[in-house]
Every structure is written in C-alpha cells, then in structure tokens.
C-alpha atoms as a PDB file:
ATOM      1  CA  MET A   1      63.795  21.617 102.374  1.00  0.00           C
ATOM      2  CA  LYS A   2      62.850  19.148  99.664  1.00  0.00           C
ATOM      3  CA  HIS A   3      61.350  20.836  96.614  1.00  0.00           C
ATOM      4  CA  LYS A   4      58.152  19.580  95.050  1.00  0.00           C
ATOM      5  CA  LEU A   5      56.048  19.198  91.957  1.00  0.00           C
ATOM      6  CA  LEU A   6      52.645  20.876  91.898  1.00  0.00           C
ATOM      7  CA  PHE A   7      49.971  18.918  90.010  1.00  0.00           C
ATOM      8  CA  VAL A   8      46.786  20.840  89.190  1.00  0.00           C
ATOM      9  CA  THR A   9      43.643  18.983  88.144  1.00  0.00           C
ATOM     10  CA  TYR A  10      39.903  19.536  88.152  1.00  0.00           C
ATOM     11  CA  LYS A  11      37.870  17.533  90.633  1.00  0.00           C
ATOM     12  CA  ASP A  12      35.734  15.548  88.209  1.00  0.00           C
ATOM     13  CA  ASN A  13      35.476  12.020  86.862  1.00  0.00           C
ATOM     14  CA  HIS A  14      39.072  12.078  85.571  1.00  0.00           C
ATOM     15  CA  GLU A  15      41.121  13.794  88.288  1.00  0.00           C
ATOM     16  CA  ASP A  16      43.485  10.814  88.428  1.00  0.00           C
ATOM     17  CA  GLU A  17      44.563  11.212  84.776  1.00  0.00           C
ATOM     18  CA  GLY A  18      48.183  12.183  84.573  1.00  0.00           C
ATOM     19  CA  LEU A  19      48.845  11.345  88.212  1.00  0.00           C
ATOM     20  CA  SER A  20      50.831   8.192  87.403  1.00  0.00           C
ATOM     21  CA  TYR A  21      53.131  10.314  85.240  1.00  0.00           C
ATOM     22  CA  VAL A  22      53.523  12.872  88.022  1.00  0.00           C
ATOM     23  CA  ILE A  23      54.427  10.185  90.570  1.00  0.00           C
ATOM     24  CA  GLU A  24      57.001   8.602  88.246  1.00  0.00           C
ATOM     25  CA  LEU A  25      58.480  12.039  87.551  1.00  0.00           C
ATOM     26  CA  ALA A  26      58.641  12.747  91.293  1.00  0.00           C
ATOM     27  CA  LYS A  27      60.456   9.454  91.886  1.00  0.00           C
ATOM     28  CA  THR A  28      62.948  10.189  89.110  1.00  0.00           C
ATOM     29  CA  LEU A  29      63.616  13.759  90.263  1.00  0.00           C
ATOM     30  CA  ASN A  30      63.414  12.899  93.997  1.00  0.00           C
ATOM     31  CA  LYS A  31      60.663  15.467  94.628  1.00  0.00           C
ATOM     32  CA  ASP A  32      57.524  15.546  96.760  1.00  0.00           C
ATOM     33  CA  VAL A  33      54.106  16.147  95.196  1.00  0.00           C
ATOM     34  CA  THR A  34      51.302  18.564  95.983  1.00  0.00           C
ATOM     35  CA  ILE A  35      47.982  18.000  94.230  1.00  0.00           C
ATOM     36  CA  PHE A  36      45.476  20.811  93.801  1.00  0.00           C
ATOM     37  CA  LEU A  37      41.939  19.595  93.178  1.00  0.00           C
ATOM     38  CA  ILE A  38      39.999  22.465  91.611  1.00  0.00           C
ATOM     39  CA  TRP A  39      36.220  22.321  92.037  1.00  0.00           C
ATOM     40  CA  LYS A  40      34.842  23.299  88.652  1.00  0.00           C
ATOM     41  CA  LYS A  41      31.474  25.049  88.789  1.00  0.00           C
ATOM     42  CA  ARG A  42      30.963  23.880  92.358  1.00  0.00           C
ATOM     43  CA  LEU A  43      28.395  26.483  93.347  1.00  0.00           C
ATOM     44  CA  SER A  44      25.912  25.716  90.560  1.00  0.00           C
ATOM     45  CA  LYS A  45      26.095  21.983  91.359  1.00  0.00           C
ATOM     46  CA  LYS A  46      25.527  22.686  95.050  1.00  0.00           C
ATOM     47  CA  ILE A  47      22.471  24.823  94.279  1.00  0.00           C
ATOM     48  CA  GLU A  48      21.162  22.086  91.992  1.00  0.00           C
ATOM     49  CA  ASN A  49      21.534  19.496  94.776  1.00  0.00           C
ATOM     50  CA  VAL A  50      19.803  21.732  97.332  1.00  0.00           C
ATOM     51  CA  LEU A  51      16.882  22.299  94.938  1.00  0.00           C
ATOM     52  CA  THR A  52      16.660  18.557  94.290  1.00  0.00           C
ATOM     53  CA  ALA A  53      16.583  17.884  98.032  1.00  0.00           C
ATOM     54  CA  ALA A  54      13.847  20.503  98.457  1.00  0.00           C
ATOM     55  CA  THR A  55      11.781  18.807  95.746  1.00  0.00           C
ATOM     56  CA  PHE A  56      12.059  15.449  97.529  1.00  0.00           C
ATOM     57  CA  ALA A  57      11.173  17.086 100.852  1.00  0.00           C
ATOM     58  CA  GLU A  58       8.050  18.655  99.337  1.00  0.00           C
ATOM     59  CA  ALA A  59       7.030  15.193  98.087  1.00  0.00           C
ATOM     60  CA  ASP A  60       7.329  13.802 101.660  1.00  0.00           C
ATOM     61  CA  GLU A  61      10.514  11.912 100.741  1.00  0.00           C
ATOM     62  CA  HIS A  62      12.387  13.357 103.714  1.00  0.00           C
ATOM     63  CA  GLU A  63      14.960  10.546 103.993  1.00  0.00           C
ATOM     64  CA  THR A  64      15.995  10.980 100.353  1.00  0.00           C
ATOM     65  CA  ALA A  65      16.291  14.753 100.865  1.00  0.00           C
ATOM     66  CA  ARG A  66      18.478  14.208 103.957  1.00  0.00           C
ATOM     67  CA  GLN A  67      20.704  11.818 102.010  1.00  0.00           C
ATOM     68  CA  ILE A  68      21.213  14.327  99.163  1.00  0.00           C
ATOM     69  CA  ILE A  69      22.147  17.070 101.630  1.00  0.00           C
ATOM     70  CA  ALA A  70      24.468  14.715 103.550  1.00  0.00           C
ATOM     71  CA  ASP A  71      26.211  13.679 100.317  1.00  0.00           C
ATOM     72  CA  GLU A  72      26.647  17.326  99.330  1.00  0.00           C
ATOM     73  CA  SER A  73      28.110  18.388 102.681  1.00  0.00           C
ATOM     74  CA  GLY A  74      30.636  15.533 102.617  1.00  0.00           C
ATOM     75  CA  LYS A  75      32.298  16.703  99.377  1.00  0.00           C
ATOM     76  CA  GLY A  76      34.616  19.387 100.749  1.00  0.00           C
ATOM     77  CA  ASN A  77      37.765  17.364 101.411  1.00  0.00           C
ATOM     78  CA  GLY A  78      39.633  16.115  98.358  1.00  0.00           C
ATOM     79  CA  SER A  79      42.024  13.965 100.387  1.00  0.00           C
ATOM     80  CA  SER A  80      39.430  11.255 101.061  1.00  0.00           C
ATOM     81  CA  ASP A  81      38.748  10.598  97.376  1.00  0.00           C
ATOM     82  CA  PRO A  82      38.794   6.818  96.788  1.00  0.00           C
ATOM     83  CA  LYS A  83      40.241   7.337  93.274  1.00  0.00           C
ATOM     84  CA  LEU A  84      43.369   8.864  94.788  1.00  0.00           C
ATOM     85  CA  GLU A  85      43.973   6.167  97.432  1.00  0.00           C
ATOM     86  CA  PRO A  86      46.133   3.927  95.165  1.00  0.00           C
ATOM     87  CA  PHE A  87      48.345   6.920  94.373  1.00  0.00           C
ATOM     88  CA  VAL A  88      48.669   7.816  98.049  1.00  0.00           C
ATOM     89  CA  GLY A  89      49.880   4.265  98.734  1.00  0.00           C
ATOM     90  CA  LYS A  90      52.259   4.345  95.769  1.00  0.00           C
ATOM     91  CA  CYS A  91      53.764   7.639  96.970  1.00  0.00           C
ATOM     92  CA  HIS A  92      54.150   6.312 100.502  1.00  0.00           C
ATOM     93  CA  GLU A  93      55.946   3.198  99.240  1.00  0.00           C
ATOM     94  CA  SER A  94      58.289   5.353  97.139  1.00  0.00           C
ATOM     95  CA  GLY A  95      59.094   7.736  99.985  1.00  0.00           C
ATOM     96  CA  ILE A  96      57.325  10.645  98.283  1.00  0.00           C
ATOM     97  CA  GLN A  97      55.346  12.993 100.482  1.00  0.00           C
ATOM     98  CA  LEU A  98      51.950  13.682  98.945  1.00  0.00           C
ATOM     99  CA  HIS A  99      49.883  16.717  99.910  1.00  0.00           C
ATOM    100  CA  ILE A 100      46.348  17.126  98.609  1.00  0.00           C
ATOM    101  CA  GLN A 101      44.596  20.480  98.658  1.00  0.00           C
ATOM    102  CA  SER A 102      41.340  21.613  97.163  1.00  0.00           C
ATOM    103  CA  SER A 103      40.152  24.960  95.913  1.00  0.00           C
ATOM    104  CA  GLN A 104      36.852  26.339  94.737  1.00  0.00           C
ATOM    105  CA  GLN A 105      38.539  29.082  92.707  1.00  0.00           C
ATOM    106  CA  ASP A 106      39.666  28.669  89.123  1.00  0.00           C
ATOM    107  CA  VAL A 107      43.233  27.656  88.201  1.00  0.00           C
ATOM    108  CA  PHE A 108      44.790  31.134  87.864  1.00  0.00           C
ATOM    109  CA  PRO A 109      43.610  32.630  91.194  1.00  0.00           C
ATOM    110  CA  THR A 110      44.377  29.382  93.017  1.00  0.00           C
ATOM    111  CA  LEU A 111      47.981  29.274  91.796  1.00  0.00           C
ATOM    112  CA  LYS A 112      48.499  33.011  92.201  1.00  0.00           C
ATOM    113  CA  ASN A 113      47.425  32.812  95.864  1.00  0.00           C
ATOM    114  CA  TYR A 114      49.482  29.669  96.453  1.00  0.00           C
ATOM    115  CA  PHE A 115      52.687  31.225  95.125  1.00  0.00           C
ATOM    116  CA  LYS A 116      52.152  34.385  97.187  1.00  0.00           C
ATOM    117  CA  ARG A 117      52.495  32.246 100.316  1.00  0.00           C
ATOM    118  CA  ARG A 118      54.873  29.430  99.384  1.00  0.00           C
ATOM    119  CA  ASN A 119      58.100  28.673  97.638  1.00  0.00           C
ATOM    120  CA  GLY A 120      59.759  25.356  97.041  1.00  0.00           C
ATOM    121  CA  VAL A 121      57.828  24.332  93.938  1.00  0.00           C
ATOM    122  CA  ASP A 122      60.058  23.516  90.997  1.00  0.00           C
ATOM    123  CA  ILE A 123      57.524  22.573  88.322  1.00  0.00           C
ATOM    124  CA  VAL A 124      53.780  23.113  87.858  1.00  0.00           C
ATOM    125  CA  LEU A 125      52.039  20.278  86.010  1.00  0.00           C
ATOM    126  CA  LEU A 126      48.566  20.907  84.568  1.00  0.00           C
ATOM    127  CA  GLY A 127      46.520  17.727  84.299  1.00  0.00           C
ATOM    128  CA  PRO A 128      44.844  16.639  81.061  1.00  0.00           C
ATOM    129  CA  ASN A 129      41.439  17.833  82.236  1.00  0.00           C
ATOM    130  CA  VAL A 130      42.884  21.333  82.858  1.00  0.00           C
ATOM    131  CA  ALA A 131      45.116  21.656  79.798  1.00  0.00           C
ATOM    132  CA  GLY A 132      42.767  20.002  77.293  1.00  0.00           C
ATOM    133  CA  ALA A 133      39.287  20.631  75.911  1.00  0.00           C
ATOM    134  CA  GLY A 134      39.628  24.414  76.002  1.00  0.00           C
ATOM    135  CA  ASN A 135      39.572  24.649  79.797  1.00  0.00           C
ATOM    136  CA  ILE A 136      42.547  27.032  79.795  1.00  0.00           C
ATOM    137  CA  THR A 137      43.278  29.442  76.960  1.00  0.00           C
ATOM    138  CA  THR A 138      46.686  30.336  75.564  1.00  0.00           C
ATOM    139  CA  GLY A 139      46.331  33.817  77.044  1.00  0.00           C
ATOM    140  CA  GLU A 140      45.584  32.424  80.497  1.00  0.00           C
ATOM    141  CA  LEU A 141      48.553  30.091  80.201  1.00  0.00           C
ATOM    142  CA  LYS A 142      50.867  32.993  79.272  1.00  0.00           C
ATOM    143  CA  ARG A 143      49.513  35.096  82.131  1.00  0.00           C
ATOM    144  CA  LEU A 144      50.047  32.173  84.501  1.00  0.00           C
ATOM    145  CA  ALA A 145      53.639  31.691  83.308  1.00  0.00           C
ATOM    146  CA  ASN A 146      54.373  35.399  83.794  1.00  0.00           C
ATOM    147  CA  THR A 147      52.803  35.450  87.259  1.00  0.00           C
ATOM    148  CA  ILE A 148      54.329  32.373  88.895  1.00  0.00           C
ATOM    149  CA  SER A 149      57.683  32.269  87.057  1.00  0.00           C
ATOM    150  CA  ARG A 150      57.998  28.477  87.307  1.00  0.00           C
ATOM    151  CA  PRO A 151      58.114  25.978  84.448  1.00  0.00           C
ATOM    152  CA  ILE A 152      54.583  24.914  83.485  1.00  0.00           C
ATOM    153  CA  VAL A 153      54.077  21.530  81.874  1.00  0.00           C
ATOM    154  CA  THR A 154      50.755  20.582  80.313  1.00  0.00           C
ATOM    155  CA  ILE A 155      49.956  16.881  80.343  1.00  0.00           C
ATOM    156  CA  ALA A 156      47.936  15.612  77.371  1.00  0.00           C
ATOM    157  CA  ARG A 157      45.724  12.550  77.232  1.00  0.00           C
END
C-alpha cells in the first residue's frame, strides 16, 4: 500500500493555495495525495441563498429563484471544482493518485473521524487558508497533534 499526504484546505476562493507545494512534495517523496475540502460556514451561506431565492420568487422572478437554488444544490462535490482541474492533470502526469473529499465539519472533527477509519497517511499538511488568519488556534493544533499522532505541517502564504 502506497502511503499518502493529506492536504486540508477550506473550500473558498483560495483552496488551491499550497497545492503546488503539496504535489511537488508528493513527487519527491513518491506519495499519493488526498485533499480535504472543508466547507466553512456552509449552513449559513445555504440559508442565505434560500432566503435570496425566496425573495426573487415573491417578486415573480421565478427563473432567477430556480437558478439560485440550482447553483446551491450543485455545490456538494468538491471534485468538480474547475480550480483543481490543473492539479488533477499534473498529478495524473506524475503518476500520483489524487483523492478529493469534502466535509462540512470543521478541521478537528473531520481529521479525527478520518483517522478513526484509515491509516496510511504519513503527513498532514494544513493549507494557508487553514493555518493562517487565526482559523486554527495553537490549542486546536496541539489537540490535533495529540489526537492523530502524525506530523502536521502548516503551509504559510
């Protein structure tokens, strides 16, 4: 079984930051890569979109309301993200298997649940949008390190 790197990033405008580094590291270490896309504050955004659609429906703009709801329901799968397509191709060319998973939980519960079920991960890499801007505290990082007992690398911008 080939071991892998686990890259954790928030699903936002910058989820591809740090991914080039992860792919180069995977090539150097001859590892596969799993990407976790964490949906940050997903529920509040979904409620906001539903309320916006309802407002358009009340104003007899039914087609616009349908489009908003259709856009919202198509967001669940992180693997079809156009930003990640160049990286998928780069991994394929390099012989690196790339797995993309998404989660609506925060970083700690997502990783805790993942490591309950799976082994084979050598290093956990936290993307710049997870490690920076106060998204994860020092205490959470220590708790994470104690729980998963794998090296954790934070990638800075």
